[in-house]
C-alpha atoms as a PDB file:
ATOM      1  CA  UNK A   1      95.258  99.846 122.282  1.00  0.00           C
ATOM      2  CA  UNK A   2      94.134  97.429 119.567  1.00  0.00           C
ATOM      3  CA  UNK A   3      96.602  95.654 117.301  1.00  0.00           C
ATOM      4  CA  UNK A   4      95.325  97.665 114.329  1.00  0.00           C
ATOM      5  CA  UNK A   5      95.966 100.916 116.193  1.00  0.00           C
ATOM      6  CA  UNK A   6      99.490  99.794 117.119  1.00  0.00           C
ATOM      7  CA  UNK A   7     100.274  98.991 113.484  1.00  0.00           C
ATOM      8  CA  UNK A   8      98.844 102.299 112.250  1.00  0.00           C
ATOM      9  CA  UNK A   9     100.918 104.179 114.815  1.00  0.00           C
ATOM     10  CA  UNK A  10     104.070 102.331 113.760  1.00  0.00           C
ATOM     11  CA  UNK A  11     103.764 102.605 109.990  1.00  0.00           C
ATOM     12  CA  UNK A  12     101.594 105.674 109.426  1.00  0.00           C
ATOM     13  CA  UNK A  13      99.870 106.443 106.135  1.00  0.00           C
ATOM     14  CA  UNK A  14     100.742 107.003 102.485  1.00  0.00           C
ATOM     15  CA  UNK A  15     104.464 106.900 101.730  1.00  0.00           C
ATOM     16  CA  UNK A  16     105.462 107.504 105.375  1.00  0.00           C
ATOM     17  CA  UNK A  17     106.486 103.951 106.371  1.00  0.00           C
ATOM     18  CA  UNK A  18     109.835 103.883 104.584  1.00  0.00           C
ATOM     19  CA  UNK A  19     110.765 107.314 106.012  1.00  0.00           C
ATOM     20  CA  UNK A  20     109.720 106.224 109.502  1.00  0.00           C
ATOM     21  CA  UNK A  21     111.749 103.017 109.202  1.00  0.00           C
ATOM     22  CA  UNK A  22     114.781 104.867 107.863  1.00  0.00           C
ATOM     23  CA  UNK A  23     114.624 107.524 110.595  1.00  0.00           C
ATOM     24  CA  UNK A  24     114.333 104.782 113.210  1.00  0.00           C
ATOM     25  CA  UNK A  25     117.392 102.999 111.861  1.00  0.00           C
ATOM     26  CA  UNK A  26     119.610 106.027 111.351  1.00  0.00           C
ATOM     27  CA  UNK A  27     118.705 107.817 114.584  1.00  0.00           C
ATOM     28  CA  UNK A  28     118.382 104.838 116.918  1.00  0.00           C
ATOM     29  CA  UNK A  29     119.444 101.369 115.812  1.00  0.00           C
ATOM     30  CA  UNK A  30     122.392 102.412 113.620  1.00  0.00           C
ATOM     31  CA  UNK A  31     123.211 105.838 115.030  1.00  0.00           C
ATOM     32  CA  UNK A  32     126.857 104.941 115.597  1.00  0.00           C
ATOM     33  CA  UNK A  33     127.499 103.776 112.018  1.00  0.00           C
ATOM     34  CA  UNK A  34     129.620 106.118 109.907  1.00  0.00           C
ATOM     35  CA  UNK A  35     128.756 104.947 106.370  1.00  0.00           C
ATOM     36  CA  UNK A  36     126.455 102.706 104.298  1.00  0.00           C
ATOM     37  CA  UNK A  37     128.712  99.656 104.329  1.00  0.00           C
ATOM     38  CA  UNK A  38     128.858  99.772 108.120  1.00  0.00           C
ATOM     39  CA  UNK A  39     125.080 100.247 108.307  1.00  0.00           C
ATOM     40  CA  UNK A  40     124.450  97.163 106.179  1.00  0.00           C
ATOM     41  CA  UNK A  41     126.876  95.082 108.217  1.00  0.00           C
ATOM     42  CA  UNK A  42     125.386  96.191 111.526  1.00  0.00           C
ATOM     43  CA  UNK A  43     121.802  95.664 110.347  1.00  0.00           C
ATOM     44  CA  UNK A  44     122.591  92.111 109.237  1.00  0.00           C
ATOM     45  CA  UNK A  45     124.132  91.472 112.653  1.00  0.00           C
ATOM     46  CA  UNK A  46     121.050  92.811 114.405  1.00  0.00           C
ATOM     47  CA  UNK A  47     118.704  90.707 112.281  1.00  0.00           C
ATOM     48  CA  UNK A  48     120.610  87.569 113.220  1.00  0.00           C
ATOM     49  CA  UNK A  49     120.274  88.555 116.869  1.00  0.00           C
ATOM     50  CA  UNK A  50     116.508  89.091 116.445  1.00  0.00           C
ATOM     51  CA  UNK A  51     116.210  85.694 114.765  1.00  0.00           C
ATOM     52  CA  UNK A  52     117.834  83.964 117.741  1.00  0.00           C
ATOM     53  CA  UNK A  53     115.774  85.929 120.241  1.00  0.00           C
ATOM     54  CA  UNK A  54     112.313  85.867 118.659  1.00  0.00           C
ATOM     55  CA  UNK A  55     112.003  83.361 115.811  1.00  0.00           C
ATOM     56  CA  UNK A  56     109.983  80.202 116.493  1.00  0.00           C
ATOM     57  CA  UNK A  57     109.143  79.136 112.932  1.00  0.00           C
ATOM     58  CA  UNK A  58     109.524  80.467 109.414  1.00  0.00           C
ATOM     59  CA  UNK A  59     108.954  79.427 105.833  1.00  0.00           C
ATOM     60  CA  UNK A  60     109.550  81.256 102.581  1.00  0.00           C
ATOM     61  CA  UNK A  61     108.860  80.347  98.992  1.00  0.00           C
ATOM     62  CA  UNK A  62     107.521  81.693  95.713  1.00  0.00           C
ATOM     63  CA  UNK A  63     105.119  80.425  93.073  1.00  0.00           C
ATOM     64  CA  UNK A  64     103.947  81.648  89.660  1.00  0.00           C
ATOM     65  CA  UNK A  65     102.606  85.183  89.938  1.00  0.00           C
ATOM     66  CA  UNK A  66      99.050  86.407  89.523  1.00  0.00           C
ATOM     67  CA  UNK A  67      99.714  90.034  88.581  1.00  0.00           C
ATOM     68  CA  UNK A  68     103.520  89.898  88.496  1.00  0.00           C
ATOM     69  CA  UNK A  69     106.212  87.394  87.605  1.00  0.00           C
ATOM     70  CA  UNK A  70     106.284  85.509  90.894  1.00  0.00           C
ATOM     71  CA  UNK A  71     104.161  85.524  94.027  1.00  0.00           C
ATOM     72  CA  UNK A  72     106.425  85.394  97.090  1.00  0.00           C
ATOM     73  CA  UNK A  73     105.258  84.426 100.562  1.00  0.00           C
ATOM     74  CA  UNK A  74     107.128  84.593 103.863  1.00  0.00           C
ATOM     75  CA  UNK A  75     105.538  83.444 107.118  1.00  0.00           C
ATOM     76  CA  UNK A  76     106.876  83.813 110.651  1.00  0.00           C
ATOM     77  CA  UNK A  77     105.858  82.736 114.122  1.00  0.00           C
ATOM     78  CA  UNK A  78     107.638  84.921 116.678  1.00  0.00           C
ATOM     79  CA  UNK A  79     107.948  85.368 120.406  1.00  0.00           C
ATOM     80  CA  UNK A  80     106.123  88.364 121.805  1.00  0.00           C
ATOM     81  CA  UNK A  81     108.058  91.338 123.195  1.00  0.00           C
ATOM     82  CA  UNK A  82     109.045  91.063 126.821  1.00  0.00           C
ATOM     83  CA  UNK A  83     106.322  92.092 129.264  1.00  0.00           C
ATOM     84  CA  UNK A  84     108.605  94.627 130.904  1.00  0.00           C
ATOM     85  CA  UNK A  85     109.366  96.324 127.555  1.00  0.00           C
ATOM     86  CA  UNK A  86     106.337  96.393 125.273  1.00  0.00           C
ATOM     87  CA  UNK A  87     107.381  99.051 122.782  1.00  0.00           C
ATOM     88  CA  UNK A  88     105.205  97.823 119.931  1.00  0.00           C
ATOM     89  CA  UNK A  89     106.488 100.280 117.342  1.00  0.00           C
ATOM     90  CA  UNK A  90     110.047  99.131 117.929  1.00  0.00           C
ATOM     91  CA  UNK A  91     108.961  95.487 117.979  1.00  0.00           C
ATOM     92  CA  UNK A  92     107.056  95.807 114.680  1.00  0.00           C
ATOM     93  CA  UNK A  93     110.028  97.514 113.057  1.00  0.00           C
ATOM     94  CA  UNK A  94     112.391  94.790 114.255  1.00  0.00           C
ATOM     95  CA  UNK A  95     110.166  91.912 113.162  1.00  0.00           C
ATOM     96  CA  UNK A  96     109.330  93.312 109.723  1.00  0.00           C
ATOM     97  CA  UNK A  97     112.999  94.126 109.141  1.00  0.00           C
ATOM     98  CA  UNK A  98     113.800  90.548 110.083  1.00  0.00           C
ATOM     99  CA  UNK A  99     111.280  89.387 107.459  1.00  0.00           C
ATOM    100  CA  UNK A 100     112.710  91.656 104.753  1.00  0.00           C
ATOM    101  CA  UNK A 101     116.337  90.763 105.468  1.00  0.00           C
ATOM    102  CA  UNK A 102     115.596  87.025 105.593  1.00  0.00           C
ATOM    103  CA  UNK A 103     115.120  87.015 101.804  1.00  0.00           C
ATOM    104  CA  UNK A 104     118.699  88.187 101.268  1.00  0.00           C
ATOM    105  CA  UNK A 105     121.158  85.338 100.801  1.00  0.00           C
ATOM    106  CA  UNK A 106     124.784  85.431 101.942  1.00  0.00           C
ATOM    107  CA  UNK A 107     126.047  86.604  98.569  1.00  0.00           C
ATOM    108  CA  UNK A 108     123.575  89.516  98.480  1.00  0.00           C
ATOM    109  CA  UNK A 109     124.484  90.537 102.023  1.00  0.00           C
ATOM    110  CA  UNK A 110     128.219  90.453 101.304  1.00  0.00           C
ATOM    111  CA  UNK A 111     127.716  92.509  98.147  1.00  0.00           C
ATOM    112  CA  UNK A 112     125.633  95.083 100.048  1.00  0.00           C
ATOM    113  CA  UNK A 113     128.404  95.490 102.620  1.00  0.00           C
ATOM    114  CA  UNK A 114     131.184  95.639 100.022  1.00  0.00           C
ATOM    115  CA  UNK A 115     129.428  98.095  97.691  1.00  0.00           C
ATOM    116  CA  UNK A 116     127.370 100.108 100.161  1.00  0.00           C
ATOM    117  CA  UNK A 117     129.614 103.156 100.120  1.00  0.00           C
ATOM    118  CA  UNK A 118     130.273 103.017  96.395  1.00  0.00           C
ATOM    119  CA  UNK A 119     126.567 103.150  95.497  1.00  0.00           C
ATOM    120  CA  UNK A 120     125.150 104.844  98.611  1.00  0.00           C
ATOM    121  CA  UNK A 121     122.774 101.912  98.648  1.00  0.00           C
ATOM    122  CA  UNK A 122     121.410 101.837 102.178  1.00  0.00           C
ATOM    123  CA  UNK A 123     118.681 104.440 101.706  1.00  0.00           C
ATOM    124  CA  UNK A 124     117.322 102.790  98.539  1.00  0.00           C
ATOM    125  CA  UNK A 125     118.234  99.137  98.877  1.00  0.00           C
ATOM    126  CA  UNK A 126     115.476  97.793 101.059  1.00  0.00           C
ATOM    127  CA  UNK A 127     112.561  99.992 101.907  1.00  0.00           C
ATOM    128  CA  UNK A 128     110.225 101.393  99.251  1.00  0.00           C
ATOM    129  CA  UNK A 129     108.737  98.203  97.830  1.00  0.00           C
ATOM    130  CA  UNK A 130     108.595  96.384 101.147  1.00  0.00           C
ATOM    131  CA  UNK A 131     107.067  99.134 103.257  1.00  0.00           C
ATOM    132  CA  UNK A 132     105.139 101.397 100.906  1.00  0.00           C
ATOM    133  CA  UNK A 133     101.670 101.726 102.413  1.00  0.00           C
ATOM    134  CA  UNK A 134      99.051 102.915  99.930  1.00  0.00           C
ATOM    135  CA  UNK A 135      95.909 100.871 100.498  1.00  0.00           C
ATOM    136  CA  UNK A 136      95.433 101.348 104.232  1.00  0.00           C
ATOM    137  CA  UNK A 137      94.744  98.879 107.010  1.00  0.00           C
ATOM    138  CA  UNK A 138      92.006  96.256 107.103  1.00  0.00           C
ATOM    139  CA  UNK A 139      90.808  93.986 109.903  1.00  0.00           C
ATOM    140  CA  UNK A 140      90.084  90.423 108.804  1.00  0.00           C
ATOM    141  CA  UNK A 141      88.714  87.429 110.599  1.00  0.00           C
ATOM    142  CA  UNK A 142      90.954  84.394 110.662  1.00  0.00           C
ATOM    143  CA  UNK A 143      88.648  82.699 108.128  1.00  0.00           C
ATOM    144  CA  UNK A 144      88.767  85.682 105.762  1.00  0.00           C
ATOM    145  CA  UNK A 145      92.544  85.797 105.999  1.00  0.00           C
ATOM    146  CA  UNK A 146      93.021  82.075 105.296  1.00  0.00           C
ATOM    147  CA  UNK A 147      90.531  82.263 102.433  1.00  0.00           C
ATOM    148  CA  UNK A 148      92.398  85.222 100.951  1.00  0.00           C
ATOM    149  CA  UNK A 149      95.866  83.671 100.987  1.00  0.00           C
ATOM    150  CA  UNK A 150      94.467  80.305  99.823  1.00  0.00           C
ATOM    151  CA  UNK A 151      92.801  82.164  96.966  1.00  0.00           C
ATOM    152  CA  UNK A 152      96.204  83.410  95.812  1.00  0.00           C
ATOM    153  CA  UNK A 153      97.393  79.820  95.548  1.00  0.00           C
ATOM    154  CA  UNK A 154      94.337  78.801  93.530  1.00  0.00           C
ATOM    155  CA  UNK A 155      94.719  81.721  91.108  1.00  0.00           C
ATOM    156  CA  UNK A 156      98.425  81.008  90.720  1.00  0.00           C
ATOM    157  CA  UNK A 157      97.801  77.326  90.011  1.00  0.00           C
ATOM    158  CA  UNK A 158      95.243  78.217  87.328  1.00  0.00           C
ATOM    159  CA  UNK A 159      97.660  80.596  85.636  1.00  0.00           C
ATOM    160  CA  UNK A 160     100.602  78.221  85.894  1.00  0.00           C
ATOM    161  CA  UNK A 161      98.651  75.270  84.473  1.00  0.00           C
ATOM    162  CA  UNK A 162      97.726  77.417  81.494  1.00  0.00           C
ATOM    163  CA  UNK A 163     101.330  78.245  80.721  1.00  0.00           C
ATOM    164  CA  UNK A 164     104.340  76.502  82.273  1.00  0.00           C
ATOM    165  CA  UNK A 165     106.917  78.502  80.377  1.00  0.00           C
ATOM    166  CA  UNK A 166     109.922  77.162  78.514  1.00  0.00           C
ATOM    167  CA  UNK A 167     112.378  76.764  81.390  1.00  0.00           C
ATOM    168  CA  UNK A 168     112.873  73.210  82.675  1.00  0.00           C
ATOM    169  CA  UNK A 169     114.653  74.682  85.707  1.00  0.00           C
ATOM    170  CA  UNK A 170     111.622  76.833  86.565  1.00  0.00           C
ATOM    171  CA  UNK A 171     109.291  73.852  86.172  1.00  0.00           C
ATOM    172  CA  UNK A 172     111.433  71.799  88.564  1.00  0.00           C
ATOM    173  CA  UNK A 173     111.483  74.692  91.032  1.00  0.00           C
ATOM    174  CA  UNK A 174     107.688  74.950  90.933  1.00  0.00           C
ATOM    175  CA  UNK A 175     107.390  71.229  91.679  1.00  0.00           C
ATOM    176  CA  UNK A 176     109.036  72.047  95.007  1.00  0.00           C
ATOM    177  CA  UNK A 177     107.551  75.478  95.655  1.00  0.00           C
ATOM    178  CA  UNK A 178     103.832  74.752  95.223  1.00  0.00           C
ATOM    179  CA  UNK A 179     103.889  72.036  97.927  1.00  0.00           C
ATOM    180  CA  UNK A 180     105.870  74.435 100.163  1.00  0.00           C
ATOM    181  CA  UNK A 181     103.176  77.103  99.766  1.00  0.00           C
ATOM    182  CA  UNK A 182     100.503  74.528 100.631  1.00  0.00           C
ATOM    183  CA  UNK A 183     102.527  73.489 103.686  1.00  0.00           C
ATOM    184  CA  UNK A 184     102.624  77.110 104.874  1.00  0.00           C
ATOM    185  CA  UNK A 185      98.837  77.308 104.603  1.00  0.00           C
ATOM    186  CA  UNK A 186      98.436  74.035 106.485  1.00  0.00           C
ATOM    187  CA  UNK A 187     100.732  75.216 109.280  1.00  0.00           C
ATOM    188  CA  UNK A 188      98.852  78.494 109.660  1.00  0.00           C
ATOM    189  CA  UNK A 189      95.481  76.763 109.593  1.00  0.00           C
ATOM    190  CA  UNK A 190      96.540  74.266 112.257  1.00  0.00           C
ATOM    191  CA  UNK A 191      98.430  76.633 114.580  1.00  0.00           C
ATOM    192  CA  UNK A 192      96.806  80.063 114.510  1.00  0.00           C
ATOM    193  CA  UNK A 193      94.019  80.898 116.975  1.00  0.00           C
ATOM    194  CA  UNK A 194      90.701  82.531 116.166  1.00  0.00           C
ATOM    195  CA  UNK A 195      91.977  86.107 116.388  1.00  0.00           C
ATOM    196  CA  UNK A 196      91.801  89.305 114.385  1.00  0.00           C
ATOM    197  CA  UNK A 197      94.262  89.620 111.509  1.00  0.00           C
ATOM    198  CA  UNK A 198      95.357  93.091 110.421  1.00  0.00           C
ATOM    199  CA  UNK A 199      96.318  93.533 106.779  1.00  0.00           C
ATOM    200  CA  UNK A 200      98.514  96.417 105.659  1.00  0.00           C
ATOM    201  CA  UNK A 201      98.175  97.203 101.934  1.00  0.00           C
ATOM    202  CA  UNK A 202      96.044  95.374  99.389  1.00  0.00           C
ATOM    203  CA  UNK A 203      96.912  92.711  96.860  1.00  0.00           C
ATOM    204  CA  UNK A 204      97.221  93.807  93.249  1.00  0.00           C
ATOM    205  CA  UNK A 205      99.617  96.736  93.623  1.00  0.00           C
ATOM    206  CA  UNK A 206     103.373  97.156  93.688  1.00  0.00           C
ATOM    207  CA  UNK A 207     103.659  97.134  97.467  1.00  0.00           C
ATOM    208  CA  UNK A 208     104.145  94.132  99.724  1.00  0.00           C
ATOM    209  CA  UNK A 209     101.027  92.995 101.591  1.00  0.00           C
ATOM    210  CA  UNK A 210     101.579  92.386 105.312  1.00  0.00           C
ATOM    211  CA  UNK A 211      99.365  90.353 107.657  1.00  0.00           C
ATOM    212  CA  UNK A 212      99.742  90.554 111.440  1.00  0.00           C
ATOM    213  CA  UNK A 213      98.146  88.396 114.149  1.00  0.00           C
ATOM    214  CA  UNK A 214      98.750  88.515 117.879  1.00  0.00           C
ATOM    215  CA  UNK A 215      98.115  85.228 119.700  1.00  0.00           C
ATOM    216  CA  UNK A 216      98.267  84.722 123.453  1.00  0.00           C
ATOM    217  CA  UNK A 217     101.830  83.443 123.446  1.00  0.00           C
ATOM    218  CA  UNK A 218     103.261  84.444 120.050  1.00  0.00           C
ATOM    219  CA  UNK A 219     102.997  86.790 117.079  1.00  0.00           C
ATOM    220  CA  UNK A 220     102.445  85.903 113.420  1.00  0.00           C
ATOM    221  CA  UNK A 221     103.624  87.860 110.401  1.00  0.00           C
ATOM    222  CA  UNK A 222     102.947  86.867 106.793  1.00  0.00           C
ATOM    223  CA  UNK A 223     104.143  88.972 103.863  1.00  0.00           C
ATOM    224  CA  UNK A 224     103.104  88.443 100.254  1.00  0.00           C
ATOM    225  CA  UNK A 225     104.515  90.206  97.205  1.00  0.00           C
ATOM    226  CA  UNK A 226     103.280  89.859  93.633  1.00  0.00           C
ATOM    227  CA  UNK A 227     104.868  92.903  91.978  1.00  0.00           C
ATOM    228  CA  UNK A 228     106.281  93.002  88.477  1.00  0.00           C
END
């Protein structure tokens, strides 16, 4: 089965991905949890376990947006699933959940656990924006992929140079974040092989755009969000 077929099987079509992810969590990963606070706590624990088991490299940052306020990028190099247990749907769920949770700082995680039951937040706190699949799946060459994500940087730079805003704090943050975005591109250009990249979703909408690449000895995930 091709990588594209594995991703389609895992995430489905239309607005199915968030339901599939939620069913997977409630019926399998978090089946023993009695309430939303416990679910948040257990999910954070699991994500830390997945980080230790699979994570080889990561980088996250954001720059001035193209369509939205800020363009966020998160890139991961991960170990492949064990040869004796290649459940790719489960693996893709685990690794994308790891990517989504990694954006949450300690304060946000503690608040989710403390207020989960009060606001019934688990079913709405994570999934729709990150997993909504509306624009389908596209196979890209490595060159097309690198050109696409480099193009986002160029468009962002053009917009940012035209208007820096009035916040000195934001300007100082961008002095750090633009070089970080460039460093992500350099790492991917230097370390990824000449393999197919599968893109889920399309830039310009409200949903997160996901890129997946399977190398011989590792797996790459890059997510980019530019929503309002």
